């Protein structure tokens, strides 16, 4: 399922137009992104937690040349789904 298919199904579930569903989804993603950029931890009970993790500088290997390289430290978004949400699939 791609984004447009997801938005279409999302609109059907909400009973709104596709444009309204797109705006709703975009607002959710933008709000989540802004919170994470500000260093906030986002917890949506029964669904997931979102935060930013700091990855340390580390050694890696260039797959083409097999040359060892240093991968710079960076920040990366992290999501962990709740136990209750995971149990829906088992």
Protein backbone atom coordinates (compact mmCIF):
# COMPACT_ATOMS: atom_id res chain seq x y z
CA UNK A 1 0.00 0.00 0.00
CA UNK A 2 1.43 3.37 -0.97
CA UNK A 3 0.64 6.79 0.51
CA UNK A 4 -2.22 7.66 -1.87
CA UNK A 5 -3.90 4.28 -1.29
CA UNK A 6 -3.51 4.78 2.46
CA UNK A 7 -5.02 8.28 2.25
CA UNK A 8 -7.96 6.93 0.23
CA UNK A 9 -8.67 4.23 2.84
CA UNK A 10 -8.15 6.76 5.64
CA UNK A 11 -10.72 9.08 4.01
CA UNK A 12 -13.20 6.20 3.69
CA UNK A 13 -12.76 5.29 7.38
CA UNK A 14 -13.29 8.91 8.46
CA UNK A 15 -16.13 9.55 6.02
CA UNK A 16 -14.42 12.64 4.61
CA UNK A 17 -13.05 13.67 1.23
CA UNK A 18 -9.59 12.64 0.10
CA UNK A 19 -8.41 16.27 0.32
CA UNK A 20 -9.59 16.51 3.93
CA UNK A 21 -7.90 13.21 4.77
CA UNK A 22 -4.66 14.39 3.10
CA UNK A 23 -4.74 17.61 5.14
CA UNK A 24 -5.46 15.67 8.34
CA UNK A 25 -2.62 13.23 7.70
CA UNK A 26 -0.19 16.02 6.72
CA UNK A 27 -1.04 17.89 9.94
CA UNK A 28 -0.36 14.75 11.99
CA UNK A 29 3.01 14.16 10.32
CA UNK A 30 4.00 17.84 10.60
CA UNK A 31 3.04 18.00 14.29
CA UNK A 32 4.94 14.80 15.06
CA UNK A 33 8.00 16.04 13.12
CA UNK A 34 7.99 19.41 14.90
CA UNK A 35 7.72 17.75 18.31
CA UNK A 36 10.66 15.45 17.56
CA UNK A 37 12.75 18.34 16.17
CA UNK A 38 12.15 20.17 19.46
CA UNK A 39 13.49 17.17 21.37
CA UNK A 40 10.11 16.11 22.69
CA UNK A 41 9.13 12.50 23.37
CA UNK A 42 5.71 11.62 21.88
CA UNK A 43 3.66 8.83 23.46
CA UNK A 44 0.36 7.80 21.90
CA UNK A 45 -1.16 5.38 24.40
CA UNK A 46 -2.07 2.00 22.95
CA UNK A 47 -0.21 2.73 19.72
CA UNK A 48 3.43 3.84 19.82
CA UNK A 49 6.14 6.08 21.23
CA UNK A 50 8.31 8.31 19.06
CA UNK A 51 11.63 9.87 19.99
CA UNK A 52 15.03 10.84 18.64
CA UNK A 53 18.07 8.68 19.31
CA UNK A 54 21.67 9.78 19.05
CA UNK A 55 23.82 7.39 16.99
CA UNK A 56 27.51 7.47 17.85
CA UNK A 57 30.28 7.70 15.28
CA UNK A 58 31.16 4.21 14.10
CA UNK A 59 33.22 2.24 11.61
CA UNK A 60 31.63 0.92 8.45
CA UNK A 61 32.59 -0.70 5.17
CA UNK A 62 31.94 0.67 1.69
CA UNK A 63 30.23 -2.29 -0.04
CA UNK A 64 31.66 -1.40 -3.47
CA UNK A 65 35.31 -0.94 -2.54
CA UNK A 66 35.39 -2.88 0.76
CA UNK A 67 37.21 0.16 2.13
CA UNK A 68 36.74 0.95 5.83
CA UNK A 69 35.02 4.26 6.43
CA UNK A 70 33.93 6.29 9.44
CA UNK A 71 30.21 6.94 9.68
CA UNK A 72 29.55 10.27 11.40
CA UNK A 73 27.35 10.55 14.47
CA UNK A 74 23.78 11.61 13.78
CA UNK A 75 20.30 11.83 15.22
CA UNK A 76 17.61 9.46 13.97
CA UNK A 77 13.88 9.11 14.62
CA UNK A 78 12.86 6.03 16.55
CA UNK A 79 9.45 4.42 16.93
CA UNK A 80 8.44 1.66 19.32
CA UNK A 81 4.98 0.15 19.07
CA UNK A 82 3.06 -0.62 22.25
CA UNK A 83 2.56 -4.14 23.51
CA UNK A 84 -1.21 -3.82 23.07
CA UNK A 85 -0.80 -2.75 19.43
CA UNK A 86 1.62 -5.60 18.69
CA UNK A 87 -0.81 -8.11 20.20
CA UNK A 88 -3.41 -7.17 17.58
CA UNK A 89 -1.32 -9.04 15.02
CA UNK A 90 -0.73 -12.28 16.91
